[in-house]
Amino acid sequence: MERILIIGSSGQIGTELVMELRKMYGDDNVIASDIRPSSDKVMNSGPFEELDILDEQLLRKIVKKYQITQVYLLAALLSATSESKTPGLTNETANDLASLATIPAFSKHSCISGVIF
């Protein structure tokens, strides 16, 4: 059975993806995660983990806890928001860093068959 982690589940695409995958794989097999709580329908329909994508230790813990086999990486910073709070940090740079931060956490878990960016 697939165990799917969706990182960045609070946005429009993430919310819809969580709900569709939960229909396909079962509520308990799709773990939603984001830096902030998600919509009520996501929060009330299955597991949710609060996760900062740059926190590799917590990411490893979640992967191990749920025995994750697939990861959907949807985490992103909104350009206007991230740039105003962090001068010099562009949306592209922030998202590249988030993507790279996940690789070490996934590489040590042979149960993960796919990472979708």
C-alpha atoms as a PDB file:
ATOM      1  CA  MET A   1       0.000   0.000   0.000  1.00  0.00           C
ATOM      2  CA  GLU A   2       1.232   3.453  -0.884  1.00  0.00           C
ATOM      3  CA  ARG A   3       1.808   5.951   1.925  1.00  0.00           C
ATOM      4  CA  ILE A   4       1.929   9.453   0.478  1.00  0.00           C
ATOM      5  CA  LEU A   5       3.306  12.648   2.020  1.00  0.00           C
ATOM      6  CA  ILE A   6       2.194  15.928   0.470  1.00  0.00           C
ATOM      7  CA  ILE A   7       4.459  18.799   1.471  1.00  0.00           C
ATOM      8  CA  GLY A   8       2.767  22.137   0.873  1.00  0.00           C
ATOM      9  CA  SER A   9      -0.811  20.919   1.238  1.00  0.00           C
ATOM     10  CA  SER A  10      -2.379  24.209   2.320  1.00  0.00           C
ATOM     11  CA  GLY A  11      -2.447  25.892  -1.081  1.00  0.00           C
ATOM     12  CA  GLN A  12      -5.148  25.507  -3.714  1.00  0.00           C
ATOM     13  CA  ILE A  13      -3.398  22.712  -5.629  1.00  0.00           C
ATOM     14  CA  GLY A  14      -2.266  20.953  -2.449  1.00  0.00           C
ATOM     15  CA  THR A  15      -5.749  20.963  -0.940  1.00  0.00           C
ATOM     16  CA  GLU A  16      -7.326  19.472  -4.052  1.00  0.00           C
ATOM     17  CA  LEU A  17      -4.536  16.911  -4.456  1.00  0.00           C
ATOM     18  CA  VAL A  18      -4.869  15.753  -0.835  1.00  0.00           C
ATOM     19  CA  MET A  19      -8.599  15.213  -1.198  1.00  0.00           C
ATOM     20  CA  GLU A  20      -8.290  13.318  -4.503  1.00  0.00           C
ATOM     21  CA  LEU A  21      -5.448  11.105  -3.283  1.00  0.00           C
ATOM     22  CA  ARG A  22      -7.355  10.357  -0.079  1.00  0.00           C
ATOM     23  CA  LYS A  23     -10.266   9.170  -2.212  1.00  0.00           C
ATOM     24  CA  MET A  24      -7.900   6.909  -4.168  1.00  0.00           C
ATOM     25  CA  TYR A  25      -5.648   5.580  -1.393  1.00  0.00           C
ATOM     26  CA  GLY A  26      -7.682   6.079   1.787  1.00  0.00           C
ATOM     27  CA  ASP A  27      -7.655   8.938   4.279  1.00  0.00           C
ATOM     28  CA  ASP A  28      -4.988   7.455   6.558  1.00  0.00           C
ATOM     29  CA  ASN A  29      -2.569   6.769   3.690  1.00  0.00           C
ATOM     30  CA  VAL A  30      -2.231  10.388   2.550  1.00  0.00           C
ATOM     31  CA  ILE A  31      -0.427  12.643   5.010  1.00  0.00           C
ATOM     32  CA  ALA A  32      -0.876  16.354   4.433  1.00  0.00           C
ATOM     33  CA  SER A  33       1.813  18.732   5.676  1.00  0.00           C
ATOM     34  CA  ASP A  34       2.561  22.416   5.546  1.00  0.00           C
ATOM     35  CA  ILE A  35       4.172  25.192   7.542  1.00  0.00           C
ATOM     36  CA  ARG A  36       0.680  26.296   8.588  1.00  0.00           C
ATOM     37  CA  PRO A  37      -2.622  24.490   9.155  1.00  0.00           C
ATOM     38  CA  SER A  38      -4.615  23.597   6.076  1.00  0.00           C
ATOM     39  CA  SER A  39      -8.302  23.964   5.244  1.00  0.00           C
ATOM     40  CA  ASP A  40     -10.891  22.358   7.521  1.00  0.00           C
ATOM     41  CA  LYS A  41     -11.664  19.683   4.927  1.00  0.00           C
ATOM     42  CA  VAL A  42      -8.003  18.598   4.811  1.00  0.00           C
ATOM     43  CA  MET A  43      -7.497  18.853   8.572  1.00  0.00           C
ATOM     44  CA  ASN A  44     -10.649  16.847   9.354  1.00  0.00           C
ATOM     45  CA  SER A  45     -10.289  14.129   6.713  1.00  0.00           C
ATOM     46  CA  GLY A  46      -6.944  12.556   7.628  1.00  0.00           C
ATOM     47  CA  PRO A  47      -3.469  13.000   9.098  1.00  0.00           C
ATOM     48  CA  PHE A  48      -1.770  16.400   9.034  1.00  0.00           C
ATOM     49  CA  GLU A  49       1.737  17.313  10.164  1.00  0.00           C
ATOM     50  CA  GLU A  50       2.967  20.871  10.621  1.00  0.00           C
ATOM     51  CA  LEU A  51       6.293  20.962   8.768  1.00  0.00           C
ATOM     52  CA  ASP A  52       8.826  23.566   7.723  1.00  0.00           C
ATOM     53  CA  ILE A  53      10.426  22.013   4.631  1.00  0.00           C
ATOM     54  CA  LEU A  54      13.855  23.233   5.767  1.00  0.00           C
ATOM     55  CA  ASP A  55      13.607  21.198   9.007  1.00  0.00           C
ATOM     56  CA  GLU A  56      15.328  18.036   7.784  1.00  0.00           C
ATOM     57  CA  GLN A  57      15.165  16.312  11.183  1.00  0.00           C
ATOM     58  CA  LEU A  58      11.390  16.706  11.431  1.00  0.00           C
ATOM     59  CA  LEU A  59      10.988  15.633   7.798  1.00  0.00           C
ATOM     60  CA  ARG A  60      12.946  12.436   8.492  1.00  0.00           C
ATOM     61  CA  LYS A  61      10.801  11.794  11.574  1.00  0.00           C
ATOM     62  CA  ILE A  62       7.564  12.139   9.569  1.00  0.00           C
ATOM     63  CA  VAL A  63       8.852   9.906   6.749  1.00  0.00           C
ATOM     64  CA  LYS A  64       9.764   7.227   9.274  1.00  0.00           C
ATOM     65  CA  LYS A  65       6.603   7.609  11.409  1.00  0.00           C
ATOM     66  CA  TYR A  66       4.257   7.083   8.460  1.00  0.00           C
ATOM     67  CA  GLN A  67       6.527   4.780   6.405  1.00  0.00           C
ATOM     68  CA  ILE A  68       6.199   7.110   3.418  1.00  0.00           C
ATOM     69  CA  THR A  69       6.561   5.593  -0.069  1.00  0.00           C
ATOM     70  CA  GLN A  70       5.806   8.660  -2.234  1.00  0.00           C
ATOM     71  CA  VAL A  71       6.337  12.386  -1.747  1.00  0.00           C
ATOM     72  CA  TYR A  72       4.680  15.275  -3.538  1.00  0.00           C
ATOM     73  CA  LEU A  73       6.702  18.458  -2.981  1.00  0.00           C
ATOM     74  CA  LEU A  74       4.384  21.417  -3.496  1.00  0.00           C
ATOM     75  CA  ALA A  75       5.943  23.723  -0.909  1.00  0.00           C
ATOM     76  CA  ALA A  76       6.558  27.199  -2.283  1.00  0.00           C
ATOM     77  CA  LEU A  77       6.870  30.740  -1.092  1.00  0.00           C
ATOM     78  CA  LEU A  78       4.654  33.377  -2.589  1.00  0.00           C
ATOM     79  CA  SER A  79       6.976  35.773  -4.322  1.00  0.00           C
ATOM     80  CA  ALA A  80       5.635  39.019  -2.865  1.00  0.00           C
ATOM     81  CA  THR A  81       5.451  37.603   0.647  1.00  0.00           C
ATOM     82  CA  SER A  82       8.874  35.956   0.736  1.00  0.00           C
ATOM     83  CA  GLU A  83      10.688  38.824  -0.929  1.00  0.00           C
ATOM     84  CA  SER A  84       9.222  41.423   1.424  1.00  0.00           C
ATOM     85  CA  LYS A  85      10.186  39.417   4.524  1.00  0.00           C
ATOM     86  CA  THR A  86      13.593  38.267   3.286  1.00  0.00           C
ATOM     87  CA  PRO A  87      15.382  40.835   1.105  1.00  0.00           C
ATOM     88  CA  GLY A  88      17.467  39.177  -1.603  1.00  0.00           C
ATOM     89  CA  LEU A  89      15.544  35.903  -1.392  1.00  0.00           C
ATOM     90  CA  THR A  90      13.634  35.309  -4.580  1.00  0.00           C
ATOM     91  CA  ASN A  91      10.809  32.830  -5.033  1.00  0.00           C
ATOM     92  CA  GLU A  92      13.002  30.713  -7.324  1.00  0.00           C
ATOM     93  CA  THR A  93      15.901  30.643  -4.840  1.00  0.00           C
ATOM     94  CA  ALA A  94      13.664  29.797  -1.896  1.00  0.00           C
ATOM     95  CA  ASN A  95      11.943  26.988  -3.760  1.00  0.00           C
ATOM     96  CA  ASP A  96      15.272  25.578  -4.993  1.00  0.00           C
ATOM     97  CA  LEU A  97      16.524  25.528  -1.401  1.00  0.00           C
ATOM     98  CA  ALA A  98      13.367  23.761  -0.239  1.00  0.00           C
ATOM     99  CA  SER A  99      13.728  21.146  -2.974  1.00  0.00           C
ATOM    100  CA  LEU A 100      17.372  20.520  -2.179  1.00  0.00           C
ATOM    101  CA  ALA A 101      16.663  20.314   1.555  1.00  0.00           C
ATOM    102  CA  THR A 102      14.403  17.311   1.046  1.00  0.00           C
ATOM    103  CA  ILE A 103      16.901  15.128  -0.834  1.00  0.00           C
ATOM    104  CA  PRO A 104      19.033  14.035   2.156  1.00  0.00           C
ATOM    105  CA  ALA A 105      15.934  13.181   4.178  1.00  0.00           C
ATOM    106  CA  PHE A 106      14.579  10.958   1.399  1.00  0.00           C
ATOM    107  CA  SER A 107      17.835   9.330   0.329  1.00  0.00           C
ATOM    108  CA  LYS A 108      18.207   7.349   3.558  1.00  0.00           C
ATOM    109  CA  HIS A 109      14.754   5.802   3.309  1.00  0.00           C
ATOM    110  CA  SER A 110      14.737   3.039   0.728  1.00  0.00           C
ATOM    111  CA  CYS A 111      10.943   2.681   1.046  1.00  0.00           C
ATOM    112  CA  ILE A 112      10.418   5.899  -0.941  1.00  0.00           C
ATOM    113  CA  SER A 113       9.761   4.998  -4.549  1.00  0.00           C
ATOM    114  CA  GLY A 114       9.147   8.478  -5.904  1.00  0.00           C
ATOM    115  CA  VAL A 115       9.463  12.192  -5.234  1.00  0.00           C
ATOM    116  CA  ILE A 116       7.338  14.477  -7.368  1.00  0.00           C
ATOM    117  CA  PHE A 117       8.386  18.162  -7.556  1.00  0.00           C
END
